[in-house]
PDB file of N, CA and C in Angstrom:
ATOM      1  N   MET A   1     138.939 179.207 -23.393  1.00  0.00           N
ATOM      2  CA  MET A   1     137.645 178.653 -23.802  1.00  0.00           C
ATOM      3  C   MET A   1     137.573 177.159 -23.805  1.00  0.00           C
ATOM      4  N   MET A   2     138.743 176.579 -24.204  1.00  0.00           N
ATOM      5  CA  MET A   2     138.732 175.062 -24.178  1.00  0.00           C
ATOM      6  C   MET A   2     138.373 174.434 -22.910  1.00  0.00           C
ATOM      7  N   GLY A   3     138.608 175.175 -21.722  1.00  0.00           N
ATOM      8  CA  GLY A   3     138.331 174.718 -20.450  1.00  0.00           C
ATOM      9  C   GLY A   3     136.764 174.487 -20.388  1.00  0.00           C
ATOM     10  N   ASN A   4     136.061 175.518 -20.930  1.00  0.00           N
ATOM     11  CA  ASN A   4     134.527 175.381 -20.838  1.00  0.00           C
ATOM     12  C   ASN A   4     134.102 174.450 -21.634  1.00  0.00           C
ATOM     13  N   LYS A   5     134.775 173.991 -22.813  1.00  0.00           N
ATOM     14  CA  LYS A   5     134.187 172.867 -23.705  1.00  0.00           C
ATOM     15  C   LYS A   5     134.430 171.539 -22.970  1.00  0.00           C
ATOM     16  N   ASP A   6     135.542 171.405 -22.268  1.00  0.00           N
ATOM     17  CA  ASP A   6     135.933 170.232 -21.607  1.00  0.00           C
ATOM     18  C   ASP A   6     134.932 169.979 -20.520  1.00  0.00           C
ATOM     19  N   MET A   7     134.570 171.219 -19.757  1.00  0.00           N
ATOM     20  CA  MET A   7     133.636 171.086 -18.508  1.00  0.00           C
ATOM     21  C   MET A   7     132.407 170.627 -19.170  1.00  0.00           C
ATOM     22  N   MET A   8     131.836 171.272 -20.165  1.00  0.00           N
ATOM     23  CA  MET A   8     130.478 170.840 -20.772  1.00  0.00           C
ATOM     24  C   MET A   8     130.564 169.532 -21.159  1.00  0.00           C
ATOM     25  N   ARG A   9     131.594 168.918 -21.711  1.00  0.00           N
ATOM     26  CA  ARG A   9     131.741 167.481 -22.196  1.00  0.00           C
ATOM     27  C   ARG A   9     131.470 166.617 -20.808  1.00  0.00           C
ATOM     28  N   GLN A  10     132.243 166.935 -19.958  1.00  0.00           N
ATOM     29  CA  GLN A  10     132.233 166.185 -18.718  1.00  0.00           C
ATOM     30  C   GLN A  10     130.875 166.193 -18.142  1.00  0.00           C
ATOM     31  N   MET A  11     130.278 167.255 -18.069  1.00  0.00           N
ATOM     32  CA  MET A  11     128.998 167.358 -17.516  1.00  0.00           C
ATOM     33  C   MET A  11     127.840 166.663 -18.359  1.00  0.00           C
ATOM     34  N   GLN A  12     127.906 166.465 -19.616  1.00  0.00           N
ATOM     35  CA  GLN A  12     127.195 165.754 -20.476  1.00  0.00           C
ATOM     36  C   GLN A  12     127.460 164.263 -20.171  1.00  0.00           C
ATOM     37  N   GLN A  13     128.715 163.958 -19.981  1.00  0.00           N
ATOM     38  CA  GLN A  13     128.976 162.435 -19.747  1.00  0.00           C
ATOM     39  C   GLN A  13     128.379 162.126 -18.435  1.00  0.00           C
ATOM     40  N   MET A  14     128.410 163.044 -17.446  1.00  0.00           N
ATOM     41  CA  MET A  14     127.908 162.569 -16.126  1.00  0.00           C
ATOM     42  C   MET A  14     126.441 162.521 -16.156  1.00  0.00           C
ATOM     43  N   GLN A  15     125.795 163.298 -16.911  1.00  0.00           N
ATOM     44  CA  GLN A  15     124.307 163.304 -17.115  1.00  0.00           C
ATOM     45  C   GLN A  15     123.905 162.136 -17.756  1.00  0.00           C
ATOM     46  N   GLN A  16     124.639 161.641 -18.786  1.00  0.00           N
ATOM     47  CA  GLN A  16     124.449 160.249 -19.379  1.00  0.00           C
ATOM     48  C   GLN A  16     124.526 159.178 -18.429  1.00  0.00           C
ATOM     49  N   ARG A  17     125.634 159.220 -17.548  1.00  0.00           N
ATOM     50  CA  ARG A  17     125.833 158.180 -16.526  1.00  0.00           C
ATOM     51  C   ARG A  17     124.573 158.062 -15.641  1.00  0.00           C
ATOM     52  N   LEU A  18     124.184 159.406 -15.079  1.00  0.00           N
ATOM     53  CA  LEU A  18     123.208 159.458 -14.163  1.00  0.00           C
ATOM     54  C   LEU A  18     121.873 158.927 -14.722  1.00  0.00           C
ATOM     55  N   LEU A  19     121.537 159.218 -15.939  1.00  0.00           N
ATOM     56  CA  LEU A  19     120.314 158.688 -16.568  1.00  0.00           C
ATOM     57  C   LEU A  19     120.435 157.152 -16.714  1.00  0.00           C
ATOM     58  N   LYS A  20     121.567 156.683 -17.027  1.00  0.00           N
ATOM     59  CA  LYS A  20     121.730 155.140 -17.106  1.00  0.00           C
ATOM     60  C   LYS A  20     121.404 154.569 -15.600  1.00  0.00           C
ATOM     61  N   VAL A  21     122.032 155.180 -14.647  1.00  0.00           N
ATOM     62  CA  VAL A  21     121.916 154.769 -13.271  1.00  0.00           C
ATOM     63  C   VAL A  21     120.374 154.674 -12.774  1.00  0.00           C
ATOM     64  N   GLN A  22     119.771 155.903 -13.320  1.00  0.00           N
ATOM     65  CA  GLN A  22     118.300 156.003 -12.901  1.00  0.00           C
ATOM     66  C   GLN A  22     117.425 154.941 -13.635  1.00  0.00           C
ATOM     67  N   GLU A  23     117.741 154.573 -14.809  1.00  0.00           N
ATOM     68  CA  GLU A  23     117.113 153.621 -15.644  1.00  0.00           C
ATOM     69  C   GLU A  23     117.335 152.178 -14.912  1.00  0.00           C
ATOM     70  N   GLU A  24     118.602 152.011 -14.599  1.00  0.00           N
ATOM     71  CA  GLU A  24     118.967 150.719 -13.891  1.00  0.00           C
ATOM     72  C   GLU A  24     118.260 150.546 -12.472  1.00  0.00           C
ATOM     73  N   LEU A  25     118.023 151.589 -11.855  1.00  0.00           N
ATOM     74  CA  LEU A  25     117.326 151.519 -10.570  1.00  0.00           C
ATOM     75  C   LEU A  25     115.963 150.975 -10.869  1.00  0.00           C
ATOM     76  N   GLY A  26     115.273 151.260 -11.892  1.00  0.00           N
ATOM     77  CA  GLY A  26     114.093 150.732 -12.188  1.00  0.00           C
ATOM     78  C   GLY A  26     113.969 149.182 -12.554  1.00  0.00           C
ATOM     79  N   ASN A  27     115.132 148.706 -12.779  1.00  0.00           N
ATOM     80  CA  ASN A  27     115.195 147.222 -12.972  1.00  0.00           C
ATOM     81  C   ASN A  27     115.746 146.571 -11.644  1.00  0.00           C
ATOM     82  N   GLU A  28     116.054 147.212 -10.648  1.00  0.00           N
ATOM     83  CA  GLU A  28     116.644 146.497  -9.570  1.00  0.00           C
ATOM     84  C   GLU A  28     115.417 146.542  -8.576  1.00  0.00           C
ATOM     85  N   SER A  29     115.407 145.591  -7.680  1.00  0.00           N
ATOM     86  CA  SER A  29     114.552 145.497  -6.596  1.00  0.00           C
ATOM     87  C   SER A  29     115.145 145.242  -5.276  1.00  0.00           C
ATOM     88  N   VAL A  30     114.271 145.524  -4.261  1.00  0.00           N
ATOM     89  CA  VAL A  30     114.648 145.284  -2.833  1.00  0.00           C
ATOM     90  C   VAL A  30     113.520 144.574  -2.280  1.00  0.00           C
ATOM     91  N   VAL A  31     113.622 143.800  -1.121  1.00  0.00           N
ATOM     92  CA  VAL A  31     112.496 143.193  -0.424  1.00  0.00           C
ATOM     93  C   VAL A  31     112.478 143.824   0.906  1.00  0.00           C
ATOM     94  N   GLY A  32     111.378 144.354   1.452  1.00  0.00           N
ATOM     95  CA  GLY A  32     111.079 144.680   2.894  1.00  0.00           C
ATOM     96  C   GLY A  32     110.227 143.704   3.422  1.00  0.00           C
ATOM     97  N   SER A  33     110.669 143.572   4.685  1.00  0.00           N
ATOM     98  CA  SER A  33     109.696 142.340   5.457  1.00  0.00           C
ATOM     99  C   SER A  33     109.364 142.820   6.850  1.00  0.00           C
ATOM    100  N   ALA A  34     108.409 142.147   7.407  1.00  0.00           N
ATOM    101  CA  ALA A  34     108.045 142.386   8.843  1.00  0.00           C
ATOM    102  C   ALA A  34     107.469 141.010   9.382  1.00  0.00           C
ATOM    103  N   GLY A  35     107.543 141.060  10.745  1.00  0.00           N
ATOM    104  CA  GLY A  35     107.082 139.824  11.311  1.00  0.00           C
ATOM    105  C   GLY A  35     107.826 138.531  10.991  1.00  0.00           C
ATOM    106  N   GLY A  36     109.210 138.864  10.941  1.00  0.00           N
ATOM    107  CA  GLY A  36     110.067 137.682  10.644  1.00  0.00           C
ATOM    108  C   GLY A  36     109.805 137.166   9.274  1.00  0.00           C
ATOM    109  N   GLY A  37     109.455 137.937   8.378  1.00  0.00           N
ATOM    110  CA  GLY A  37     109.198 137.429   6.986  1.00  0.00           C
ATOM    111  C   GLY A  37     107.765 136.900   6.735  1.00  0.00           C
ATOM    112  N   ALA A  38     106.982 137.258   7.695  1.00  0.00           N
ATOM    113  CA  ALA A  38     105.403 136.881   7.535  1.00  0.00           C
ATOM    114  C   ALA A  38     104.744 137.694   6.483  1.00  0.00           C
ATOM    115  N   VAL A  39     105.291 138.972   6.398  1.00  0.00           N
ATOM    116  CA  VAL A  39     104.870 139.798   5.199  1.00  0.00           C
ATOM    117  C   VAL A  39     106.122 140.498   4.546  1.00  0.00           C
ATOM    118  N   SER A  40     106.026 140.402   3.300  1.00  0.00           N
ATOM    119  CA  SER A  40     107.177 141.058   2.472  1.00  0.00           C
ATOM    120  C   SER A  40     106.592 141.710   1.320  1.00  0.00           C
ATOM    121  N   VAL A  41     107.460 142.662   0.945  1.00  0.00           N
ATOM    122  CA  VAL A  41     106.997 143.697  -0.123  1.00  0.00           C
ATOM    123  C   VAL A  41     108.227 143.825  -0.985  1.00  0.00           C
ATOM    124  N   THR A  42     108.104 143.636  -2.233  1.00  0.00           N
ATOM    125  CA  THR A  42     109.188 143.824  -3.271  1.00  0.00           C
ATOM    126  C   THR A  42     108.862 145.083  -3.938  1.00  0.00           C
ATOM    127  N   MET A  43     109.967 145.841  -3.961  1.00  0.00           N
ATOM    128  CA  MET A  43     109.892 147.297  -4.630  1.00  0.00           C
ATOM    129  C   MET A  43     110.998 147.504  -5.500  1.00  0.00           C
ATOM    130  N   THR A  44     110.870 148.221  -6.634  1.00  0.00           N
ATOM    131  CA  THR A  44     111.946 148.571  -7.385  1.00  0.00           C
ATOM    132  C   THR A  44     112.715 149.840  -6.782  1.00  0.00           C
ATOM    133  N   GLY A  45     113.899 150.078  -7.449  1.00  0.00           N
ATOM    134  CA  GLY A  45     114.706 151.267  -7.023  1.00  0.00           C
ATOM    135  C   GLY A  45     113.950 152.562  -7.262  1.00  0.00           C
ATOM    136  N   HIS A  46     112.794 152.549  -7.995  1.00  0.00           N
ATOM    137  CA  HIS A  46     112.050 153.735  -8.399  1.00  0.00           C
ATOM    138  C   HIS A  46     110.947 153.801  -7.316  1.00  0.00           C
ATOM    139  N   GLN A  47     110.852 152.756  -6.248  1.00  0.00           N
ATOM    140  CA  GLN A  47     109.824 152.779  -5.347  1.00  0.00           C
ATOM    141  C   GLN A  47     108.592 152.357  -5.935  1.00  0.00           C
ATOM    142  N   LYS A  48     108.467 151.584  -6.921  1.00  0.00           N
ATOM    143  CA  LYS A  48     107.256 150.979  -7.376  1.00  0.00           C
ATOM    144  C   LYS A  48     107.135 149.588  -6.917  1.00  0.00           C
ATOM    145  N   VAL A  49     105.972 149.338  -6.248  1.00  0.00           N
ATOM    146  CA  VAL A  49     105.593 148.034  -5.573  1.00  0.00           C
ATOM    147  C   VAL A  49     105.429 147.026  -6.721  1.00  0.00           C
ATOM    148  N   LEU A  50     106.248 145.949  -6.729  1.00  0.00           N
ATOM    149  CA  LEU A  50     106.090 144.713  -7.651  1.00  0.00           C
ATOM    150  C   LEU A  50     105.338 143.722  -7.031  1.00  0.00           C
ATOM    151  N   ALA A  51     105.467 143.448  -5.719  1.00  0.00           N
ATOM    152  CA  ALA A  51     104.702 142.131  -5.232  1.00  0.00           C
ATOM    153  C   ALA A  51     104.591 142.285  -3.665  1.00  0.00           C
ATOM    154  N   VAL A  52     103.504 141.813  -3.061  1.00  0.00           N
ATOM    155  CA  VAL A  52     103.322 141.575  -1.755  1.00  0.00           C
ATOM    156  C   VAL A  52     103.131 140.230  -1.494  1.00  0.00           C
ATOM    157  N   ALA A  53     103.677 139.637  -0.440  1.00  0.00           N
ATOM    158  CA  ALA A  53     103.530 138.304  -0.101  1.00  0.00           C
ATOM    159  C   ALA A  53     103.131 138.261   1.432  1.00  0.00           C
ATOM    160  N   ILE A  54     101.979 137.386   1.624  1.00  0.00           N
ATOM    161  CA  ILE A  54     101.536 137.318   3.089  1.00  0.00           C
ATOM    162  C   ILE A  54     101.596 135.844   3.482  1.00  0.00           C
ATOM    163  N   ASP A  55     102.171 135.575   4.611  1.00  0.00           N
ATOM    164  CA  ASP A  55     102.239 134.003   5.103  1.00  0.00           C
ATOM    165  C   ASP A  55     100.793 133.983   5.527  1.00  0.00           C
ATOM    166  N   PRO A  56     100.178 132.922   5.014  1.00  0.00           N
ATOM    167  CA  PRO A  56      98.606 132.550   5.486  1.00  0.00           C
ATOM    168  C   PRO A  56      98.499 132.391   6.966  1.00  0.00           C
ATOM    169  N   GLY A  57      99.525 132.063   7.594  1.00  0.00           N
ATOM    170  CA  GLY A  57      99.467 131.911   9.094  1.00  0.00           C
ATOM    171  C   GLY A  57      99.277 133.150   9.830  1.00  0.00           C
ATOM    172  N   VAL A  58      99.493 134.314   9.261  1.00  0.00           N
ATOM    173  CA  VAL A  58      99.409 135.523  10.024  1.00  0.00           C
ATOM    174  C   VAL A  58      97.990 136.220   9.726  1.00  0.00           C
ATOM    175  N   VAL A  59      97.282 135.530   8.903  1.00  0.00           N
ATOM    176  CA  VAL A  59      95.969 136.082   8.603  1.00  0.00           C
ATOM    177  C   VAL A  59      94.873 135.551   9.641  1.00  0.00           C
ATOM    178  N   ASP A  60      94.475 136.490  10.407  1.00  0.00           N
ATOM    179  CA  ASP A  60      93.626 136.189  11.532  1.00  0.00           C
ATOM    180  C   ASP A  60      92.288 137.222  11.392  1.00  0.00           C
ATOM    181  N   ALA A  61      91.138 136.616  11.113  1.00  0.00           N
ATOM    182  CA  ALA A  61      90.054 137.504  11.012  1.00  0.00           C
ATOM    183  C   ALA A  61      89.779 138.213  12.289  1.00  0.00           C
ATOM    184  N   GLU A  62      90.203 137.718  13.368  1.00  0.00           N
ATOM    185  CA  GLU A  62      89.885 138.370  14.721  1.00  0.00           C
ATOM    186  C   GLU A  62      91.053 139.272  15.140  1.00  0.00           C
ATOM    187  N   ASP A  63      92.087 139.449  14.129  1.00  0.00           N
ATOM    188  CA  ASP A  63      93.263 140.446  14.450  1.00  0.00           C
ATOM    189  C   ASP A  63      93.739 141.107  13.195  1.00  0.00           C
ATOM    190  N   VAL A  64      92.792 141.637  12.520  1.00  0.00           N
ATOM    191  CA  VAL A  64      93.077 142.346  11.352  1.00  0.00           C
ATOM    192  C   VAL A  64      94.217 143.456  11.512  1.00  0.00           C
ATOM    193  N   GLU A  65      94.149 144.050  12.711  1.00  0.00           N
ATOM    194  CA  GLU A  65      94.983 145.219  12.927  1.00  0.00           C
ATOM    195  C   GLU A  65      96.498 144.828  12.893  1.00  0.00           C
ATOM    196  N   MET A  66      96.709 143.664  13.427  1.00  0.00           N
ATOM    197  CA  MET A  66      98.070 143.053  13.329  1.00  0.00           C
ATOM    198  C   MET A  66      98.620 143.016  12.064  1.00  0.00           C
ATOM    199  N   LEU A  67      97.736 142.375  11.138  1.00  0.00           N
ATOM    200  CA  LEU A  67      98.174 142.300   9.729  1.00  0.00           C
ATOM    201  C   LEU A  67      98.372 143.703   9.010  1.00  0.00           C
ATOM    202  N   GLN A  68      97.701 144.575   9.392  1.00  0.00           N
ATOM    203  CA  GLN A  68      97.695 145.892   8.758  1.00  0.00           C
ATOM    204  C   GLN A  68      99.175 146.502   9.307  1.00  0.00           C
ATOM    205  N   ASP A  69      99.339 146.349  10.660  1.00  0.00           N
ATOM    206  CA  ASP A  69     100.695 146.792  11.101  1.00  0.00           C
ATOM    207  C   ASP A  69     101.875 146.291  10.527  1.00  0.00           C
ATOM    208  N   LEU A  70     101.648 144.917  10.045  1.00  0.00           N
ATOM    209  CA  LEU A  70     102.811 144.239   9.536  1.00  0.00           C
ATOM    210  C   LEU A  70     102.953 144.692   8.092  1.00  0.00           C
ATOM    211  N   MET A  71     101.817 144.983   7.331  1.00  0.00           N
ATOM    212  CA  MET A  71     101.913 145.478   5.961  1.00  0.00           C
ATOM    213  C   MET A  71     102.629 146.908   5.879  1.00  0.00           C
ATOM    214  N   VAL A  72     102.231 147.658   6.910  1.00  0.00           N
ATOM    215  CA  VAL A  72     102.804 149.053   6.948  1.00  0.00           C
ATOM    216  C   VAL A  72     104.301 148.934   7.305  1.00  0.00           C
ATOM    217  N   ALA A  73     104.670 148.115   8.150  1.00  0.00           N
ATOM    218  CA  ALA A  73     106.009 147.939   8.439  1.00  0.00           C
ATOM    219  C   ALA A  73     106.808 147.315   7.450  1.00  0.00           C
ATOM    220  N   ALA A  74     106.309 146.443   6.573  1.00  0.00           N
ATOM    221  CA  ALA A  74     107.000 145.835   5.463  1.00  0.00           C
ATOM    222  C   ALA A  74     107.165 146.945   4.296  1.00  0.00           C
ATOM    223  N   PHE A  75     106.084 147.532   4.046  1.00  0.00           N
ATOM    224  CA  PHE A  75     106.094 148.822   2.985  1.00  0.00           C
ATOM    225  C   PHE A  75     107.270 149.783   3.331  1.00  0.00           C
ATOM    226  N   ASN A  76     107.296 150.164   4.638  1.00  0.00           N
ATOM    227  CA  ASN A  76     108.116 151.092   5.062  1.00  0.00           C
ATOM    228  C   ASN A  76     109.762 150.526   4.989  1.00  0.00           C
ATOM    229  N   ASP A  77     109.803 149.340   5.382  1.00  0.00           N
ATOM    230  CA  ASP A  77     111.056 148.786   5.317  1.00  0.00           C
ATOM    231  C   ASP A  77     111.458 148.646   3.799  1.00  0.00           C
ATOM    232  N   ALA A  78     110.621 148.349   2.898  1.00  0.00           N
ATOM    233  CA  ALA A  78     111.069 148.240   1.436  1.00  0.00           C
ATOM    234  C   ALA A  78     111.367 149.719   0.875  1.00  0.00           C
ATOM    235  N   GLN A  79     110.696 150.587   1.331  1.00  0.00           N
ATOM    236  CA  GLN A  79     110.809 151.991   0.833  1.00  0.00           C
ATOM    237  C   GLN A  79     112.252 152.430   1.438  1.00  0.00           C
ATOM    238  N   SER A  80     112.500 152.221   2.578  1.00  0.00           N
ATOM    239  CA  SER A  80     113.748 152.594   3.302  1.00  0.00           C
ATOM    240  C   SER A  80     114.910 151.874   2.476  1.00  0.00           C
ATOM    241  N   LYS A  81     114.922 150.504   2.082  1.00  0.00           N
ATOM    242  CA  LYS A  81     115.852 149.862   1.395  1.00  0.00           C
ATOM    243  C   LYS A  81     115.933 150.445  -0.152  1.00  0.00           C
ATOM    244  N   SER A  82     114.798 150.751  -0.569  1.00  0.00           N
ATOM    245  CA  SER A  82     114.935 151.363  -1.965  1.00  0.00           C
ATOM    246  C   SER A  82     115.493 152.718  -2.011  1.00  0.00           C
ATOM    247  N   GLN A  83     115.279 153.576  -1.153  1.00  0.00           N
ATOM    248  CA  GLN A  83     115.958 154.849  -0.984  1.00  0.00           C
ATOM    249  C   GLN A  83     117.408 154.723  -0.690  1.00  0.00           C
ATOM    250  N   ALA A  84     117.774 153.805   0.009  1.00  0.00           N
ATOM    251  CA  ALA A  84     119.202 153.478   0.362  1.00  0.00           C
ATOM    252  C   ALA A  84     119.864 152.848  -1.028  1.00  0.00           C
ATOM    253  N   LEU A  85     119.324 152.188  -1.713  1.00  0.00           N
ATOM    254  CA  LEU A  85     119.795 151.716  -3.003  1.00  0.00           C
ATOM    255  C   LEU A  85     119.987 152.751  -3.879  1.00  0.00           C
ATOM    256  N   ALA A  86     118.923 153.742  -4.098  1.00  0.00           N
ATOM    257  CA  ALA A  86     119.099 154.773  -4.875  1.00  0.00           C
ATOM    258  C   ALA A  86     120.230 155.774  -4.604  1.00  0.00           C
ATOM    259  N   GLU A  87     120.218 156.061  -3.250  1.00  0.00           N
ATOM    260  CA  GLU A  87     121.336 156.856  -2.793  1.00  0.00           C
ATOM    261  C   GLU A  87     122.770 156.328  -2.944  1.00  0.00           C
ATOM    262  N   SER A  88     122.790 154.988  -2.754  1.00  0.00           N
ATOM    263  CA  SER A  88     124.224 154.427  -2.892  1.00  0.00           C
ATOM    264  C   SER A  88     124.537 154.570  -4.412  1.00  0.00           C
ATOM    265  N   ARG A  89     123.713 154.195  -5.371  1.00  0.00           N
ATOM    266  CA  ARG A  89     124.038 154.137  -6.841  1.00  0.00           C
ATOM    267  C   ARG A  89     124.267 155.748  -7.334  1.00  0.00           C
ATOM    268  N   MET A  90     123.477 156.577  -6.862  1.00  0.00           N
ATOM    269  CA  MET A  90     123.669 157.976  -7.388  1.00  0.00           C
ATOM    270  C   MET A  90     124.922 158.525  -6.560  1.00  0.00           C
ATOM    271  N   GLY A  91     125.049 158.250  -5.318  1.00  0.00           N
ATOM    272  CA  GLY A  91     126.235 158.739  -4.562  1.00  0.00           C
ATOM    273  C   GLY A  91     127.612 158.284  -5.187  1.00  0.00           C
ATOM    274  N   ALA A  92     127.646 157.144  -5.830  1.00  0.00           N
ATOM    275  CA  ALA A  92     128.922 156.802  -6.504  1.00  0.00           C
ATOM    276  C   ALA A  92     129.226 157.720  -7.596  1.00  0.00           C
ATOM    277  N   LEU A  93     128.238 158.123  -8.265  1.00  0.00           N
ATOM    278  CA  LEU A  93     128.512 159.128  -9.339  1.00  0.00           C
ATOM    279  C   LEU A  93     128.649 160.462  -9.032  1.00  0.00           C
ATOM    280  N   THR A  94     127.928 160.951  -7.918  1.00  0.00           N
ATOM    281  CA  THR A  94     127.978 162.455  -7.448  1.00  0.00           C
ATOM    282  C   THR A  94     128.961 162.680  -6.391  1.00  0.00           C
ATOM    283  N   GLY A  95     129.709 161.624  -5.972  1.00  0.00           N
ATOM    284  CA  GLY A  95     130.578 161.846  -4.981  1.00  0.00           C
ATOM    285  C   GLY A  95     129.890 162.271  -3.463  1.00  0.00           C
ATOM    286  N   GLY A  96     128.695 161.742  -3.385  1.00  0.00           N
ATOM    287  CA  GLY A  96     128.096 162.173  -2.139  1.00  0.00           C
ATOM    288  C   GLY A  96     127.351 163.458  -2.212  1.00  0.00           C
ATOM    289  N   LEU A  97     127.428 164.240  -3.305  1.00  0.00           N
ATOM    290  CA  LEU A  97     126.814 165.550  -3.285  1.00  0.00           C
ATOM    291  C   LEU A  97     125.264 165.333  -3.445  1.00  0.00           C
ATOM    292  N   LYS A  98     124.524 166.108  -2.564  1.00  0.00           N
ATOM    293  CA  LYS A  98     123.299 166.091  -2.784  1.00  0.00           C
ATOM    294  C   LYS A  98     122.611 167.033  -3.889  1.00  0.00           C
ATOM    295  N   ILE A  99     122.410 166.465  -5.008  1.00  0.00           N
ATOM    296  CA  ILE A  99     121.833 167.214  -6.161  1.00  0.00           C
ATOM    297  C   ILE A  99     120.216 166.989  -6.241  1.00  0.00           C
ATOM    298  N   PRO A 100     119.501 168.144  -6.128  1.00  0.00           N
ATOM    299  CA  PRO A 100     118.122 167.990  -6.115  1.00  0.00           C
ATOM    300  C   PRO A 100     117.534 167.440  -7.419  1.00  0.00           C
ATOM    301  N   GLY A 101     116.702 166.489  -7.121  1.00  0.00           N
ATOM    302  CA  GLY A 101     115.906 165.739  -8.288  1.00  0.00           C
ATOM    303  C   GLY A 101     116.733 164.464  -8.638  1.00  0.00           C
ATOM    304  N   LEU A 102     117.719 164.200  -8.024  1.00  0.00           N
ATOM    305  CA  LEU A 102     118.618 162.985  -8.478  1.00  0.00           C
ATOM    306  C   LEU A 102     118.401 161.913  -7.359  1.00  0.00           C
ATOM    307  N   SER A 103     117.886 162.027  -6.430  1.00  0.00           N
ATOM    308  CA  SER A 103     117.715 161.055  -5.377  1.00  0.00           C
ATOM    309  C   SER A 103     116.244 160.617  -5.006  1.00  0.00           C
TER     310      SER A 103
END
């Protein structure tokens, strides 16, 4: 029976560490960009957008589509970086195991 108690204690400790890492991800941020930095998006490790920056030089009323494309690319870049950050932080604790709901 002592083995079960030890396992439960270890699982509780891992759960606490995972919760801490998840909380920390909300305080960390990544920056995705497009157009050589003309458009950038800052996003947390929880994929919450904090800021969007657009270089005024890329704002062209005659070519709104280009700006829209740059925005999409910057958001996708930030999201990809945010996911990679979360996977690296969680992977350090889970040993690379894919645990549903933790990434």
